[in-house]
């Protein structure tokens, strides 16, 4: 029987320990890596090529939504299971669009985590009950497609979304440049472009936008 390789990504060490203890008890499962930031999760997914990534939505440096997009590119065969406290309809839609196939509320994780990972390992979707209701409601009552140009963060490039989160976390242009391996001028250009697209005029406005849209935690 092939070993199921699982990558855990959560910024709280105690949470990672709990997840690992639960998953490692299952025969034939191996927690092959642990990540404390979204960026580290992407790097480890590309390196380790896990079968399933259990990913917290609220991650530093790179939130779970953007990390999901990048993981799906770096390790296309990996299934992503999102863990979160939030169950908003918009957030579920964004997560699914990003490429995740599982969505579990943290309050339900102790009860359904093993079942969720097992289901995703078979390349089938898994949602906790409340999220399933939202998904079904979206299917039965789809929102009308937006008309005209895109609005909000959907207009941003992947790099601009990364930089928006780092600005909201209080990073300077130099810290952003160093962290992403780009020049300060390039970081400044991305910063100006994202603020122009979102009609934001200061770092504090970027932070409020990021909190309001659950890109970072308040």
Protein backbone atom coordinates (compact mmCIF):
# COMPACT_ATOMS: atom_id res chain seq x y z
CA UNK A 1 0.00 0.00 0.00
CA UNK A 2 1.34 3.41 -0.97
CA UNK A 3 2.14 5.72 1.95
CA UNK A 4 -0.02 8.85 2.03
CA UNK A 5 2.26 11.88 2.41
CA UNK A 6 0.75 14.84 4.26
CA UNK A 7 2.09 18.38 4.70
CA UNK A 8 0.76 20.40 7.65
CA UNK A 9 0.80 24.20 7.56
CA UNK A 10 -0.27 26.29 10.56
CA UNK A 11 1.49 29.19 12.26
CA UNK A 12 0.78 27.83 15.76
CA UNK A 13 3.17 25.09 16.85
CA UNK A 14 0.70 23.56 19.30
CA UNK A 15 -1.91 23.27 16.54
CA UNK A 16 0.62 21.58 14.27
CA UNK A 17 1.49 19.13 17.04
CA UNK A 18 -2.17 18.27 17.52
CA UNK A 19 -2.76 17.81 13.80
CA UNK A 20 0.35 15.69 13.45
CA UNK A 21 -0.55 13.48 16.40
CA UNK A 22 -4.03 12.87 14.98
CA UNK A 23 -2.88 12.14 11.43
CA UNK A 24 0.24 10.11 12.30
CA UNK A 25 -1.89 7.56 14.17
CA UNK A 26 -3.53 6.50 10.91
CA UNK A 27 -1.83 3.42 9.35
CA UNK A 28 -0.02 4.20 6.12
CA UNK A 29 0.00 7.97 6.64
CA UNK A 30 3.19 10.01 6.97
CA UNK A 31 3.36 13.68 7.98
CA UNK A 32 6.27 14.48 5.67
CA UNK A 33 6.61 18.17 6.56
CA UNK A 34 5.44 21.08 8.70
CA UNK A 35 5.24 24.74 7.74
CA UNK A 36 4.76 27.80 9.94
CA UNK A 37 4.11 30.34 7.18
CA UNK A 38 2.26 30.33 3.88
CA UNK A 39 5.45 30.90 1.95
CA UNK A 40 7.16 27.97 3.66
CA UNK A 41 4.13 25.80 2.85
CA UNK A 42 4.53 26.57 -0.86
CA UNK A 43 8.27 25.86 -0.75
CA UNK A 44 7.80 22.54 1.07
CA UNK A 45 4.96 21.49 -1.25
CA UNK A 46 7.22 22.09 -4.25
CA UNK A 47 10.06 20.17 -2.60
CA UNK A 48 8.22 17.27 -0.94
CA UNK A 49 5.33 16.78 -3.41
CA UNK A 50 2.84 15.68 -0.72
CA UNK A 51 -0.46 14.00 -1.55
CA UNK A 52 -2.48 16.23 0.78
CA UNK A 53 -1.73 19.66 2.26
CA UNK A 54 -3.63 20.60 5.43
CA UNK A 55 -3.47 24.39 5.34
CA UNK A 56 -4.61 27.04 7.81
CA UNK A 57 -6.30 29.93 6.03
CA UNK A 58 -4.84 32.66 8.26
CA UNK A 59 -1.09 32.32 7.67
CA UNK A 60 1.67 34.95 7.98
CA UNK A 61 3.70 36.11 4.96
CA UNK A 62 1.32 34.41 2.54
CA UNK A 63 -2.31 33.73 3.45
CA UNK A 64 -3.87 30.35 2.83
CA UNK A 65 -5.82 31.54 -0.19
CA UNK A 66 -2.74 32.72 -2.08
CA UNK A 67 -0.70 29.78 -0.79
CA UNK A 68 -3.33 27.42 -2.24
CA UNK A 69 -2.99 29.03 -5.65
CA UNK A 70 0.77 28.64 -5.59
CA UNK A 71 0.72 25.09 -4.17
CA UNK A 72 -1.60 23.97 -6.95
CA UNK A 73 0.97 25.25 -9.44
CA UNK A 74 4.02 23.92 -7.60
CA UNK A 75 2.53 20.48 -6.83
CA UNK A 76 -0.49 19.95 -9.12
CA UNK A 77 -1.27 16.46 -7.78
CA UNK A 78 -1.49 17.66 -4.17
CA UNK A 79 -4.97 18.16 -2.76
CA UNK A 80 -5.43 21.13 -0.43
CA UNK A 81 -7.58 20.94 2.70
CA UNK A 82 -8.33 24.35 4.21
CA UNK A 83 -8.74 24.73 7.98
CA UNK A 84 -10.39 27.93 9.17
CA UNK A 85 -12.66 29.55 11.72
CA UNK A 86 -14.58 31.35 8.96
CA UNK A 87 -17.53 30.04 6.98
CA UNK A 88 -18.56 32.99 4.82
CA UNK A 89 -20.01 32.24 1.39
CA UNK A 90 -17.55 34.54 -0.38
CA UNK A 91 -14.58 32.93 1.34
CA UNK A 92 -15.73 29.43 0.42
CA UNK A 93 -16.12 30.52 -3.20
CA UNK A 94 -12.63 32.07 -3.26
CA UNK A 95 -11.01 29.02 -1.70
CA UNK A 96 -12.62 26.66 -4.21
CA UNK A 97 -11.67 28.94 -7.09
CA UNK A 98 -8.08 28.94 -5.82
CA UNK A 99 -8.00 25.15 -6.14
CA UNK A 100 -8.72 23.73 -2.69
CA UNK A 101 -11.00 20.69 -2.62
CA UNK A 102 -11.60 20.50 1.11
CA UNK A 103 -12.86 23.05 3.64
CA UNK A 104 -13.11 22.18 7.33
CA UNK A 105 -14.04 24.50 10.17
CA UNK A 106 -11.55 24.28 13.02
CA UNK A 107 -14.36 23.60 15.48
CA UNK A 108 -15.11 20.41 13.54
CA UNK A 109 -11.51 19.34 12.87
CA UNK A 110 -11.19 16.99 15.85
CA UNK A 111 -14.22 15.07 14.64
CA UNK A 112 -13.76 15.00 10.85
CA UNK A 113 -10.10 15.67 10.06
CA UNK A 114 -9.17 12.04 9.36
CA UNK A 115 -12.27 11.56 7.21
CA UNK A 116 -11.48 14.76 5.30
CA UNK A 117 -7.89 13.75 4.54
CA UNK A 118 -9.02 10.23 3.56
CA UNK A 119 -11.60 11.69 1.17
CA UNK A 120 -9.16 14.13 -0.42
CA UNK A 121 -6.60 11.36 -0.82
CA UNK A 122 -9.13 9.76 -3.20
CA UNK A 123 -9.34 13.08 -5.09
CA UNK A 124 -12.87 13.70 -3.89
CA UNK A 125 -14.06 16.97 -2.29
CA UNK A 126 -14.85 17.20 1.41
CA UNK A 127 -16.71 19.93 3.31
CA UNK A 128 -18.03 20.09 6.85
CA UNK A 129 -21.82 20.24 7.14
CA UNK A 130 -22.17 24.02 7.38
CA UNK A 131 -19.83 24.57 4.43
CA UNK A 132 -21.65 21.90 2.39
CA UNK A 133 -24.85 23.89 2.87
CA UNK A 134 -23.14 27.02 1.56
CA UNK A 135 -21.70 25.16 -1.45
CA UNK A 136 -25.09 23.61 -2.26
CA UNK A 137 -26.80 26.97 -1.92
CA UNK A 138 -24.26 28.52 -4.29
CA UNK A 139 -24.95 25.74 -6.79
CA UNK A 140 -28.73 26.07 -6.57
CA UNK A 141 -28.75 29.86 -6.41
CA UNK A 142 -25.67 31.05 -8.30
CA UNK A 143 -24.82 34.70 -7.97
CA UNK A 144 -25.03 36.63 -11.24
CA UNK A 145 -21.70 37.10 -12.99
CA UNK A 146 -20.28 40.58 -12.38
CA UNK A 147 -20.54 42.94 -15.29
CA UNK A 148 -17.83 45.25 -16.48
CA UNK A 149 -14.23 45.30 -15.25
CA UNK A 150 -13.06 43.21 -12.33
CA UNK A 151 -13.14 44.83 -8.94
CA UNK A 152 -11.17 44.41 -5.74
CA UNK A 153 -8.28 42.07 -5.21
CA UNK A 154 -9.24 39.89 -8.21
CA UNK A 155 -7.56 42.54 -10.35
CA UNK A 156 -4.26 42.10 -8.54
CA UNK A 157 -1.46 39.88 -9.76
CA UNK A 158 -0.23 37.06 -7.53
CA UNK A 159 2.82 39.12 -6.58
CA UNK A 160 0.70 42.16 -5.76
CA UNK A 161 -1.50 40.05 -3.46
CA UNK A 162 1.63 38.79 -1.70
CA UNK A 163 2.93 42.31 -1.23
CA UNK A 164 -0.44 43.58 -0.03
CA UNK A 165 -0.34 41.04 2.81
CA UNK A 166 3.24 41.96 3.72
CA UNK A 167 2.34 45.67 3.80
CA UNK A 168 -0.61 44.85 6.04
CA UNK A 169 1.76 42.92 8.33
CA UNK A 170 3.83 46.09 8.73
CA UNK A 171 6.78 45.20 6.49
CA UNK A 172 8.83 48.00 4.92
CA UNK A 173 9.69 48.08 1.21
CA UNK A 174 13.19 46.83 2.02
CA UNK A 175 11.88 43.98 4.19
CA UNK A 176 9.45 43.02 1.41
CA UNK A 177 12.21 43.13 -1.18
CA UNK A 178 14.56 41.03 0.96
CA UNK A 179 11.86 38.49 1.75
CA UNK A 180 10.79 38.05 -1.87
CA UNK A 181 14.24 38.29 -3.42
CA UNK A 182 13.41 41.35 -5.52
CA UNK A 183 14.80 44.88 -5.68
CA UNK A 184 13.42 47.65 -3.48
CA UNK A 185 12.39 49.54 -6.61
CA UNK A 186 10.40 46.53 -7.84
CA UNK A 187 8.72 46.23 -4.44
CA UNK A 188 7.84 49.92 -4.55
CA UNK A 189 6.39 49.54 -8.05
CA UNK A 190 4.19 46.62 -7.01
CA UNK A 191 3.10 48.60 -3.94
CA UNK A 192 2.08 51.60 -6.02
CA UNK A 193 0.26 49.43 -8.57
CA UNK A 194 -1.81 47.52 -6.02
CA UNK A 195 -2.76 50.71 -4.15
CA UNK A 196 -3.80 52.33 -7.42
CA UNK A 197 -5.91 49.32 -8.44
CA UNK A 198 -7.66 49.21 -5.06
CA UNK A 199 -7.89 53.00 -4.72
CA UNK A 200 -5.99 52.89 -1.42
CA UNK A 201 -3.75 55.75 -0.33
CA UNK A 202 -1.79 54.62 2.72
CA UNK A 203 -0.42 51.55 4.45
CA UNK A 204 -3.15 51.84 7.09
CA UNK A 205 -5.82 51.71 4.36
CA UNK A 206 -4.12 48.61 2.92
CA UNK A 207 -4.18 47.04 6.39
CA UNK A 208 -7.88 47.79 6.89
CA UNK A 209 -8.64 46.37 3.46
CA UNK A 210 -6.66 43.19 4.25
CA UNK A 211 -8.45 42.69 7.56
CA UNK A 212 -11.88 43.37 6.05
CA UNK A 213 -11.24 40.81 3.31
CA UNK A 214 -9.74 38.25 5.76
CA UNK A 215 -6.32 38.36 4.10
CA UNK A 216 -4.85 38.82 7.57
CA UNK A 217 -6.32 38.43 11.05
CA UNK A 218 -7.16 41.56 13.03
